[in-house]
Amino acid sequence: MGADHQIAFLLRESEAPALERRAAAVKGLGRTGGARYVRVRTEAAGDPAPTVRAAAALALGRLGDPEAGGECCSR
């Protein structure tokens, strides 16, 4: 499975009905190490499930960008 297919899978899973799948997807996107998917991570910070919000906070924190973290904390 190539990187593009993996990212596509994680993006689909970030919208899954099951919170465990959403959280795992956001964690995976956080490991990509880039700012390319900040919007998905930021949206996940507003998820109703605390597990998904925590995964989003960690994923945004990995960016090392204070503005990205601010998006998370302002929700």
PDB file of N, CA and C in Angstrom:
ATOM      1  N   MET A   1       0.852  -1.175   0.000  1.00  0.00           N
ATOM      2  CA  MET A   1       0.000   0.000   0.000  1.00  0.00           C
ATOM      3  C   MET A   1       0.894   1.233   0.000  1.00  0.00           C
ATOM      4  N   GLY A   2       0.734   2.106  -0.982  1.00  0.00           N
ATOM      5  CA  GLY A   2       1.543   3.313  -1.070  1.00  0.00           C
ATOM      6  C   GLY A   2       1.093   4.374  -0.090  1.00  0.00           C
ATOM      7  N   ALA A   3       1.937   5.375   0.074  1.00  0.00           N
ATOM      8  CA  ALA A   3       1.636   6.451   1.022  1.00  0.00           C
ATOM      9  C   ALA A   3       0.333   7.164   0.668  1.00  0.00           C
ATOM     10  N   ASP A   4       0.092   7.401  -0.624  1.00  0.00           N
ATOM     11  CA  ASP A   4      -1.143   8.077  -1.029  1.00  0.00           C
ATOM     12  C   ASP A   4      -2.374   7.260  -0.656  1.00  0.00           C
ATOM     13  N   HIS A   5      -2.296   5.944  -0.811  1.00  0.00           N
ATOM     14  CA  HIS A   5      -3.421   5.082  -0.443  1.00  0.00           C
ATOM     15  C   HIS A   5      -3.622   5.074   1.067  1.00  0.00           C
ATOM     16  N   GLN A   6      -2.532   5.103   1.806  1.00  0.00           N
ATOM     17  CA  GLN A   6      -2.634   5.126   3.265  1.00  0.00           C
ATOM     18  C   GLN A   6      -3.284   6.416   3.739  1.00  0.00           C
ATOM     19  N   ILE A   7      -2.869   7.536   3.165  1.00  0.00           N
ATOM     20  CA  ILE A   7      -3.461   8.823   3.537  1.00  0.00           C
ATOM     21  C   ILE A   7      -4.940   8.841   3.172  1.00  0.00           C
ATOM     22  N   ALA A   8      -5.281   8.356   1.993  1.00  0.00           N
ATOM     23  CA  ALA A   8      -6.687   8.315   1.578  1.00  0.00           C
ATOM     24  C   ALA A   8      -7.508   7.472   2.549  1.00  0.00           C
ATOM     25  N   PHE A   9      -6.948   6.354   2.987  1.00  0.00           N
ATOM     26  CA  PHE A   9      -7.624   5.496   3.956  1.00  0.00           C
ATOM     27  C   PHE A   9      -7.840   6.249   5.270  1.00  0.00           C
ATOM     28  N   LEU A  10      -6.801   6.922   5.758  1.00  0.00           N
ATOM     29  CA  LEU A  10      -6.912   7.660   7.018  1.00  0.00           C
ATOM     30  C   LEU A  10      -7.928   8.793   6.907  1.00  0.00           C
ATOM     31  N   LEU A  11      -7.965   9.463   5.786  1.00  0.00           N
ATOM     32  CA  LEU A  11      -8.944  10.533   5.597  1.00  0.00           C
ATOM     33  C   LEU A  11     -10.367   9.987   5.632  1.00  0.00           C
ATOM     34  N   ARG A  12     -10.596   8.845   4.996  1.00  0.00           N
ATOM     35  CA  ARG A  12     -11.931   8.214   5.055  1.00  0.00           C
ATOM     36  C   ARG A  12     -12.270   7.808   6.488  1.00  0.00           C
ATOM     37  N   GLU A  13     -11.307   7.202   7.158  1.00  0.00           N
ATOM     38  CA  GLU A  13     -11.544   6.723   8.520  1.00  0.00           C
ATOM     39  C   GLU A  13     -11.770   7.871   9.507  1.00  0.00           C
ATOM     40  N   SER A  14     -11.241   9.041   9.215  1.00  0.00           N
ATOM     41  CA  SER A  14     -11.424  10.186  10.118  1.00  0.00           C
ATOM     42  C   SER A  14     -12.886  10.615  10.192  1.00  0.00           C
ATOM     43  N   GLU A  15     -13.715  10.113   9.283  1.00  0.00           N
ATOM     44  CA  GLU A  15     -15.148  10.413   9.277  1.00  0.00           C
ATOM     45  C   GLU A  15     -15.997   9.185   9.597  1.00  0.00           C
ATOM     46  N   ALA A  16     -15.376   8.134  10.082  1.00  0.00           N
ATOM     47  CA  ALA A  16     -16.089   6.887  10.381  1.00  0.00           C
ATOM     48  C   ALA A  16     -17.077   7.082  11.531  1.00  0.00           C
ATOM     49  N   PRO A  17     -18.142   6.290  11.552  1.00  0.00           N
ATOM     50  CA  PRO A  17     -19.094   6.374  12.663  1.00  0.00           C
ATOM     51  C   PRO A  17     -18.486   5.962  14.009  1.00  0.00           C
ATOM     52  N   ALA A  18     -17.583   4.997  14.000  1.00  0.00           N
ATOM     53  CA  ALA A  18     -17.005   4.487  15.252  1.00  0.00           C
ATOM     54  C   ALA A  18     -15.898   5.414  15.744  1.00  0.00           C
ATOM     55  N   LEU A  19     -16.016   5.858  16.985  1.00  0.00           N
ATOM     56  CA  LEU A  19     -15.041   6.803  17.525  1.00  0.00           C
ATOM     57  C   LEU A  19     -13.629   6.230  17.565  1.00  0.00           C
ATOM     58  N   GLU A  20     -13.489   4.933  17.780  1.00  0.00           N
ATOM     59  CA  GLU A  20     -12.152   4.325  17.812  1.00  0.00           C
ATOM     60  C   GLU A  20     -11.463   4.458  16.460  1.00  0.00           C
ATOM     61  N   ARG A  21     -12.240   4.309  15.403  1.00  0.00           N
ATOM     62  CA  ARG A  21     -11.678   4.429  14.051  1.00  0.00           C
ATOM     63  C   ARG A  21     -11.304   5.872  13.753  1.00  0.00           C
ATOM     64  N   ARG A  22     -12.159   6.822  14.183  1.00  0.00           N
ATOM     65  CA  ARG A  22     -11.838   8.239  13.973  1.00  0.00           C
ATOM     66  C   ARG A  22     -10.573   8.617  14.727  1.00  0.00           C
ATOM     67  N   ALA A  23     -10.472   8.186  15.980  1.00  0.00           N
ATOM     68  CA  ALA A  23      -9.296   8.512  16.794  1.00  0.00           C
ATOM     69  C   ALA A  23      -8.029   7.926  16.187  1.00  0.00           C
ATOM     70  N   ALA A  24      -8.092   6.682  15.755  1.00  0.00           N
ATOM     71  CA  ALA A  24      -6.916   6.039  15.151  1.00  0.00           C
ATOM     72  C   ALA A  24      -6.506   6.755  13.867  1.00  0.00           C
ATOM     73  N   ALA A  25      -7.482   7.184  13.087  1.00  0.00           N
ATOM     74  CA  ALA A  25      -7.176   7.886  11.840  1.00  0.00           C
ATOM     75  C   ALA A  25      -6.503   9.225  12.111  1.00  0.00           C
ATOM     76  N   VAL A  26      -7.009   9.954  13.087  1.00  0.00           N
ATOM     77  CA  VAL A  26      -6.421  11.254  13.419  1.00  0.00           C
ATOM     78  C   VAL A  26      -5.001  11.071  13.948  1.00  0.00           C
ATOM     79  N   LYS A  27      -4.798  10.042  14.759  1.00  0.00           N
ATOM     80  CA  LYS A  27      -3.437   9.741  15.230  1.00  0.00           C
ATOM     81  C   LYS A  27      -2.526   9.447  14.051  1.00  0.00           C
ATOM     82  N   GLY A  28      -3.011   8.658  13.112  1.00  0.00           N
ATOM     83  CA  GLY A  28      -2.219   8.328  11.928  1.00  0.00           C
ATOM     84  C   GLY A  28      -1.879   9.559  11.104  1.00  0.00           C
ATOM     85  N   LEU A  29      -2.848  10.445  10.938  1.00  0.00           N
ATOM     86  CA  LEU A  29      -2.581  11.679  10.203  1.00  0.00           C
ATOM     87  C   LEU A  29      -1.580  12.550  10.956  1.00  0.00           C
ATOM     88  N   GLY A  30      -1.603  12.469  12.272  1.00  0.00           N
ATOM     89  CA  GLY A  30      -0.630  13.217  13.072  1.00  0.00           C
ATOM     90  C   GLY A  30       0.783  12.729  12.865  1.00  0.00           C
ATOM     91  N   ARG A  31       0.920  11.474  12.517  1.00  0.00           N
ATOM     92  CA  ARG A  31       2.252  10.903  12.299  1.00  0.00           C
ATOM     93  C   ARG A  31       2.821  11.249  10.928  1.00  0.00           C
ATOM     94  N   THR A  32       2.005  11.833  10.059  1.00  0.00           N
ATOM     95  CA  THR A  32       2.524  12.204   8.743  1.00  0.00           C
ATOM     96  C   THR A  32       3.550  13.314   8.870  1.00  0.00           C
ATOM     97  N   GLY A  33       3.481  14.062   9.980  1.00  0.00           N
ATOM     98  CA  GLY A  33       4.487  15.077  10.257  1.00  0.00           C
ATOM     99  C   GLY A  33       4.364  16.360   9.467  1.00  0.00           C
ATOM    100  N   GLY A  34       3.336  16.497   8.682  1.00  0.00           N
ATOM    101  CA  GLY A  34       3.219  17.707   7.884  1.00  0.00           C
ATOM    102  C   GLY A  34       1.959  18.482   8.189  1.00  0.00           C
ATOM    103  N   ALA A  35       1.922  19.695   7.685  1.00  0.00           N
ATOM    104  CA  ALA A  35       0.779  20.573   7.910  1.00  0.00           C
ATOM    105  C   ALA A  35      -0.312  20.375   6.863  1.00  0.00           C
ATOM    106  N   ARG A  36      -0.108  19.431   5.981  1.00  0.00           N
ATOM    107  CA  ARG A  36      -1.032  19.238   4.864  1.00  0.00           C
ATOM    108  C   ARG A  36      -2.466  18.924   5.308  1.00  0.00           C
ATOM    109  N   TYR A  37      -2.620  18.244   6.416  1.00  0.00           N
ATOM    110  CA  TYR A  37      -3.955  17.824   6.855  1.00  0.00           C
ATOM    111  C   TYR A  37      -4.373  18.502   8.161  1.00  0.00           C
ATOM    112  N   VAL A  38      -3.946  19.739   8.346  1.00  0.00           N
ATOM    113  CA  VAL A  38      -4.293  20.483   9.559  1.00  0.00           C
ATOM    114  C   VAL A  38      -5.802  20.625   9.684  1.00  0.00           C
ATOM    115  N   ARG A  39      -6.490  20.879   8.585  1.00  0.00           N
ATOM    116  CA  ARG A  39      -7.941  21.078   8.639  1.00  0.00           C
ATOM    117  C   ARG A  39      -8.644  19.859   9.229  1.00  0.00           C
ATOM    118  N   VAL A  40      -8.243  18.667   8.802  1.00  0.00           N
ATOM    119  CA  VAL A  40      -8.863  17.442   9.314  1.00  0.00           C
ATOM    120  C   VAL A  40      -8.596  17.315  10.809  1.00  0.00           C
ATOM    121  N   ARG A  41      -7.370  17.584  11.214  1.00  0.00           N
ATOM    122  CA  ARG A  41      -7.012  17.491  12.634  1.00  0.00           C
ATOM    123  C   ARG A  41      -7.768  18.527  13.448  1.00  0.00           C
ATOM    124  N   THR A  42      -7.896  19.738  12.904  1.00  0.00           N
ATOM    125  CA  THR A  42      -8.606  20.803  13.613  1.00  0.00           C
ATOM    126  C   THR A  42     -10.085  20.470  13.739  1.00  0.00           C
ATOM    127  N   GLU A  43     -10.672  19.937  12.685  1.00  0.00           N
ATOM    128  CA  GLU A  43     -12.079  19.527  12.760  1.00  0.00           C
ATOM    129  C   GLU A  43     -12.264  18.425  13.797  1.00  0.00           C
ATOM    130  N   ALA A  44     -11.312  17.522  13.877  1.00  0.00           N
ATOM    131  CA  ALA A  44     -11.395  16.434  14.857  1.00  0.00           C
ATOM    132  C   ALA A  44     -11.319  16.967  16.282  1.00  0.00           C
ATOM    133  N   ALA A  45     -10.707  18.133  16.460  1.00  0.00           N
ATOM    134  CA  ALA A  45     -10.631  18.735  17.792  1.00  0.00           C
ATOM    135  C   ALA A  45     -12.013  19.128  18.307  1.00  0.00           C
ATOM    136  N   GLY A  46     -12.986  19.246  17.404  1.00  0.00           N
ATOM    137  CA  GLY A  46     -14.353  19.557  17.794  1.00  0.00           C
ATOM    138  C   GLY A  46     -15.263  18.338  17.838  1.00  0.00           C
ATOM    139  N   ASP A  47     -14.690  17.156  17.723  1.00  0.00           N
ATOM    140  CA  ASP A  47     -15.470  15.917  17.737  1.00  0.00           C
ATOM    141  C   ASP A  47     -16.167  15.755  19.087  1.00  0.00           C
ATOM    142  N   PRO A  48     -17.371  15.192  19.107  1.00  0.00           N
ATOM    143  CA  PRO A  48     -18.059  14.989  20.381  1.00  0.00           C
ATOM    144  C   PRO A  48     -17.368  13.974  21.302  1.00  0.00           C
ATOM    145  N   ALA A  49     -16.537  13.100  20.743  1.00  0.00           N
ATOM    146  CA  ALA A  49     -15.884  12.061  21.549  1.00  0.00           C
ATOM    147  C   ALA A  49     -14.554  12.566  22.116  1.00  0.00           C
ATOM    148  N   PRO A  50     -14.389  12.517  23.441  1.00  0.00           N
ATOM    149  CA  PRO A  50     -13.136  12.972  24.049  1.00  0.00           C
ATOM    150  C   PRO A  50     -11.900  12.252  23.514  1.00  0.00           C
ATOM    151  N   THR A  51     -12.032  10.980  23.172  1.00  0.00           N
ATOM    152  CA  THR A  51     -10.895  10.217  22.647  1.00  0.00           C
ATOM    153  C   THR A  51     -10.414  10.803  21.326  1.00  0.00           C
ATOM    154  N   VAL A  52     -11.347  11.197  20.486  1.00  0.00           N
ATOM    155  CA  VAL A  52     -10.995  11.779  19.188  1.00  0.00           C
ATOM    156  C   VAL A  52     -10.394  13.169  19.396  1.00  0.00           C
ATOM    157  N   ARG A  53     -10.970  13.956  20.305  1.00  0.00           N
ATOM    158  CA  ARG A  53     -10.417  15.286  20.591  1.00  0.00           C
ATOM    159  C   ARG A  53      -8.996  15.188  21.122  1.00  0.00           C
ATOM    160  N   ALA A  54      -8.742  14.204  21.979  1.00  0.00           N
ATOM    161  CA  ALA A  54      -7.385  14.014  22.515  1.00  0.00           C
ATOM    162  C   ALA A  54      -6.415  13.637  21.401  1.00  0.00           C
ATOM    163  N   ALA A  55      -6.840  12.766  20.505  1.00  0.00           N
ATOM    164  CA  ALA A  55      -5.986  12.379  19.373  1.00  0.00           C
ATOM    165  C   ALA A  55      -5.692  13.596  18.500  1.00  0.00           C
ATOM    166  N   ALA A  56      -6.694  14.443  18.308  1.00  0.00           N
ATOM    167  CA  ALA A  56      -6.503  15.656  17.506  1.00  0.00           C
ATOM    168  C   ALA A  56      -5.526  16.609  18.183  1.00  0.00           C
ATOM    169  N   ALA A  57      -5.646  16.757  19.495  1.00  0.00           N
ATOM    170  CA  ALA A  57      -4.728  17.640  20.222  1.00  0.00           C
ATOM    171  C   ALA A  57      -3.291  17.153  20.086  1.00  0.00           C
ATOM    172  N   LEU A  58      -3.086  15.855  20.221  1.00  0.00           N
ATOM    173  CA  LEU A  58      -1.739  15.296  20.062  1.00  0.00           C
ATOM    174  C   LEU A  58      -1.237  15.482  18.634  1.00  0.00           C
ATOM    175  N   ALA A  59      -2.113  15.237  17.665  1.00  0.00           N
ATOM    176  CA  ALA A  59      -1.721  15.372  16.260  1.00  0.00           C
ATOM    177  C   ALA A  59      -1.357  16.820  15.931  1.00  0.00           C
ATOM    178  N   LEU A  60      -2.134  17.760  16.447  1.00  0.00           N
ATOM    179  CA  LEU A  60      -1.827  19.169  16.214  1.00  0.00           C
ATOM    180  C   LEU A  60      -0.551  19.576  16.941  1.00  0.00           C
ATOM    181  N   GLY A  61      -0.359  19.040  18.135  1.00  0.00           N
ATOM    182  CA  GLY A  61       0.854  19.345  18.895  1.00  0.00           C
ATOM    183  C   GLY A  61       2.116  18.883  18.194  1.00  0.00           C
ATOM    184  N   ARG A  62       2.020  17.788  17.464  1.00  0.00           N
ATOM    185  CA  ARG A  62       3.187  17.275  16.731  1.00  0.00           C
ATOM    186  C   ARG A  62       3.657  18.242  15.652  1.00  0.00           C
ATOM    187  N   LEU A  63       2.767  19.122  15.216  1.00  0.00           N
ATOM    188  CA  LEU A  63       3.144  20.075  14.174  1.00  0.00           C
ATOM    189  C   LEU A  63       4.146  21.105  14.690  1.00  0.00           C
ATOM    190  N   GLY A  64       4.081  21.395  15.987  1.00  0.00           N
ATOM    191  CA  GLY A  64       4.960  22.410  16.547  1.00  0.00           C
ATOM    192  C   GLY A  64       4.582  23.819  16.114  1.00  0.00           C
ATOM    193  N   ASP A  65       3.347  23.989  15.676  1.00  0.00           N
ATOM    194  CA  ASP A  65       2.859  25.290  15.224  1.00  0.00           C
ATOM    195  C   ASP A  65       1.883  25.827  16.261  1.00  0.00           C
ATOM    196  N   PRO A  66       2.252  26.921  16.962  1.00  0.00           N
ATOM    197  CA  PRO A  66       1.363  27.457  18.002  1.00  0.00           C
ATOM    198  C   PRO A  66      -0.020  27.829  17.479  1.00  0.00           C
ATOM    199  N   GLU A  67      -0.111  28.266  16.239  1.00  0.00           N
ATOM    200  CA  GLU A  67      -1.424  28.619  15.688  1.00  0.00           C
ATOM    201  C   GLU A  67      -2.308  27.391  15.534  1.00  0.00           C
ATOM    202  N   ALA A  68      -1.742  26.282  15.139  1.00  0.00           N
ATOM    203  CA  ALA A  68      -2.516  25.044  15.007  1.00  0.00           C
ATOM    204  C   ALA A  68      -3.014  24.598  16.371  1.00  0.00           C
ATOM    205  N   GLY A  69      -2.177  24.693  17.376  1.00  0.00           N
ATOM    206  CA  GLY A  69      -2.581  24.332  18.733  1.00  0.00           C
ATOM    207  C   GLY A  69      -3.650  25.254  19.268  1.00  0.00           C
ATOM    208  N   GLY A  70      -3.570  26.519  18.892  1.00  0.00           N
ATOM    209  CA  GLY A  70      -4.572  27.490  19.317  1.00  0.00           C
ATOM    210  C   GLY A  70      -5.945  27.148  18.795  1.00  0.00           C
ATOM    211  N   GLU A  71      -5.997  26.630  17.577  1.00  0.00           N
ATOM    212  CA  GLU A  71      -7.269  26.193  17.009  1.00  0.00           C
ATOM    213  C   GLU A  71      -7.889  25.113  17.878  1.00  0.00           C
ATOM    214  N   CYS A  72      -7.074  24.217  18.329  1.00  0.00           N
ATOM    215  CA  CYS A  72      -7.543  23.106  19.148  1.00  0.00           C
ATOM    216  C   CYS A  72      -8.038  23.612  20.499  1.00  0.00           C
ATOM    217  N   CYS A  73      -7.261  24.444  21.119  1.00  0.00           N
ATOM    218  CA  CYS A  73      -7.577  24.904  22.477  1.00  0.00           C
ATOM    219  C   CYS A  73      -8.719  25.899  22.519  1.00  0.00           C
ATOM    220  N   SER A  74      -9.041  26.530  21.399  1.00  0.00           N
ATOM    221  CA  SER A  74     -10.099  27.532  21.398  1.00  0.00           C
ATOM    222  C   SER A  74     -11.482  26.906  21.308  1.00  0.00           C
ATOM    223  N   ARG A  75     -11.560  25.605  21.148  1.00  0.00           N
ATOM    224  CA  ARG A  75     -12.861  24.934  21.001  1.00  0.00           C
ATOM    225  C   ARG A  75     -13.421  24.541  22.339  1.00  0.00           C
TER     226      ARG A  75
END
